[in-house]
Amino acid sequence: MLQTNTINKFQHFPFHLVDPSPWPILTSFSLLNLTIGAVSYMHGYPYGGYILSIGFILTLYGMVLWFRDVVIEGRA
């Protein structure tokens, strides 16, 4: 009885495993959008500034959510 209780107290792995996160893929797509928007804006395409703004906002949004999850993980 004592042996099974002590086994449950230890980790199965010698390192910390984190849950998969959707934020890296969101951030990479928003950075692609930011790059396409910047190139479009610099070449004078219509709506290039709007695409640039959306890419910048999405990048900031992804970074905030990603860092929020990192802080929550660090406290747990």
C-alpha atoms as a PDB file:
ATOM      1  CA  MET A   1       0.000   0.000   0.000  1.00  0.00           C
ATOM      2  CA  LEU A   2       2.734   2.439   0.925  1.00  0.00           C
ATOM      3  CA  GLN A   3       4.692   1.650  -2.206  1.00  0.00           C
ATOM      4  CA  THR A   4       1.844   2.595  -4.609  1.00  0.00           C
ATOM      5  CA  ASN A   5       1.269   5.915  -2.829  1.00  0.00           C
ATOM      6  CA  THR A   6       4.931   6.905  -3.068  1.00  0.00           C
ATOM      7  CA  ILE A   7       5.079   6.030  -6.785  1.00  0.00           C
ATOM      8  CA  ASN A   8       2.262   8.501  -7.558  1.00  0.00           C
ATOM      9  CA  LYS A   9       4.210  11.357  -5.965  1.00  0.00           C
ATOM     10  CA  PHE A  10       7.052  11.245  -8.494  1.00  0.00           C
ATOM     11  CA  GLN A  11       7.139  12.493 -12.069  1.00  0.00           C
ATOM     12  CA  HIS A  12       6.993  10.081 -14.974  1.00  0.00           C
ATOM     13  CA  PHE A  13       9.652  12.085 -16.856  1.00  0.00           C
ATOM     14  CA  PRO A  14      12.786  13.821 -15.570  1.00  0.00           C
ATOM     15  CA  PHE A  15      11.697  17.068 -17.292  1.00  0.00           C
ATOM     16  CA  HIS A  16       8.596  19.249 -17.480  1.00  0.00           C
ATOM     17  CA  LEU A  17       6.204  18.528 -20.362  1.00  0.00           C
ATOM     18  CA  VAL A  18       3.954  21.379 -21.451  1.00  0.00           C
ATOM     19  CA  ASP A  19       0.645  21.169 -23.266  1.00  0.00           C
ATOM     20  CA  PRO A  20       0.624  21.981 -26.996  1.00  0.00           C
ATOM     21  CA  SER A  21      -0.107  25.639 -27.687  1.00  0.00           C
ATOM     22  CA  PRO A  22      -1.938  27.195 -30.660  1.00  0.00           C
ATOM     23  CA  TRP A  23      -0.130  30.529 -30.289  1.00  0.00           C
ATOM     24  CA  PRO A  24       3.053  29.763 -32.282  1.00  0.00           C
ATOM     25  CA  ILE A  25       1.069  28.969 -35.441  1.00  0.00           C
ATOM     26  CA  LEU A  26      -1.145  32.060 -34.975  1.00  0.00           C
ATOM     27  CA  THR A  27       1.916  34.235 -34.466  1.00  0.00           C
ATOM     28  CA  SER A  28       3.682  32.807 -37.516  1.00  0.00           C
ATOM     29  CA  PHE A  29       0.665  33.437 -39.762  1.00  0.00           C
ATOM     30  CA  SER A  30       0.277  36.951 -38.375  1.00  0.00           C
ATOM     31  CA  LEU A  31       3.982  37.629 -39.031  1.00  0.00           C
ATOM     32  CA  LEU A  32       3.498  36.413 -42.603  1.00  0.00           C
ATOM     33  CA  ASN A  33       0.534  38.787 -42.891  1.00  0.00           C
ATOM     34  CA  LEU A  34       2.649  41.586 -41.431  1.00  0.00           C
ATOM     35  CA  THR A  35       5.418  40.952 -43.979  1.00  0.00           C
ATOM     36  CA  ILE A  36       3.029  40.805 -46.932  1.00  0.00           C
ATOM     37  CA  GLY A  37       1.337  43.990 -45.702  1.00  0.00           C
ATOM     38  CA  ALA A  38       4.669  45.797 -45.319  1.00  0.00           C
ATOM     39  CA  VAL A  39       5.813  44.850 -48.814  1.00  0.00           C
ATOM     40  CA  SER A  40       2.431  45.780 -50.287  1.00  0.00           C
ATOM     41  CA  TYR A  41       2.450  49.131 -48.491  1.00  0.00           C
ATOM     42  CA  MET A  42       5.994  49.942 -49.619  1.00  0.00           C
ATOM     43  CA  HIS A  43       5.123  49.144 -53.238  1.00  0.00           C
ATOM     44  CA  GLY A  44       2.033  51.319 -53.113  1.00  0.00           C
ATOM     45  CA  TYR A  45      -0.618  48.631 -53.482  1.00  0.00           C
ATOM     46  CA  PRO A  46      -4.124  49.589 -52.384  1.00  0.00           C
ATOM     47  CA  TYR A  47      -5.062  48.308 -48.921  1.00  0.00           C
ATOM     48  CA  GLY A  48      -1.421  47.567 -48.130  1.00  0.00           C
ATOM     49  CA  GLY A  49      -1.619  49.736 -45.034  1.00  0.00           C
ATOM     50  CA  TYR A  50      -4.702  47.908 -43.822  1.00  0.00           C
ATOM     51  CA  ILE A  51      -3.036  44.522 -44.248  1.00  0.00           C
ATOM     52  CA  LEU A  52       0.032  45.860 -42.443  1.00  0.00           C
ATOM     53  CA  SER A  53      -2.108  47.123 -39.558  1.00  0.00           C
ATOM     54  CA  ILE A  54      -4.014  43.860 -39.260  1.00  0.00           C
ATOM     55  CA  GLY A  55      -0.759  41.893 -39.254  1.00  0.00           C
ATOM     56  CA  PHE A  56       0.688  44.123 -36.542  1.00  0.00           C
ATOM     57  CA  ILE A  57      -2.424  43.846 -34.363  1.00  0.00           C
ATOM     58  CA  LEU A  58      -2.596  40.060 -34.790  1.00  0.00           C
ATOM     59  CA  THR A  59       1.100  39.729 -33.932  1.00  0.00           C
ATOM     60  CA  LEU A  60       0.650  41.730 -30.733  1.00  0.00           C
ATOM     61  CA  TYR A  61      -2.480  39.736 -29.886  1.00  0.00           C
ATOM     62  CA  GLY A  62      -0.665  36.416 -30.349  1.00  0.00           C
ATOM     63  CA  MET A  63       2.291  37.573 -28.279  1.00  0.00           C
ATOM     64  CA  VAL A  64       0.082  38.742 -25.408  1.00  0.00           C
ATOM     65  CA  LEU A  65      -1.841  35.455 -25.330  1.00  0.00           C
ATOM     66  CA  TRP A  66       1.333  33.389 -25.586  1.00  0.00           C
ATOM     67  CA  PHE A  67       3.043  35.271 -22.735  1.00  0.00           C
ATOM     68  CA  ARG A  68      -0.156  35.020 -20.686  1.00  0.00           C
ATOM     69  CA  ASP A  69      -0.050  31.239 -21.019  1.00  0.00           C
ATOM     70  CA  VAL A  70       3.656  31.180 -20.112  1.00  0.00           C
ATOM     71  CA  VAL A  71       2.958  33.141 -16.919  1.00  0.00           C
ATOM     72  CA  ILE A  72       0.039  30.854 -16.028  1.00  0.00           C
ATOM     73  CA  GLU A  73       2.245  27.792 -16.632  1.00  0.00           C
ATOM     74  CA  GLY A  74       4.995  29.256 -14.482  1.00  0.00           C
ATOM     75  CA  ARG A  75       2.654  29.747 -11.538  1.00  0.00           C
ATOM     76  CA  ALA A  76       1.239  26.225 -11.656  1.00  0.00           C
END
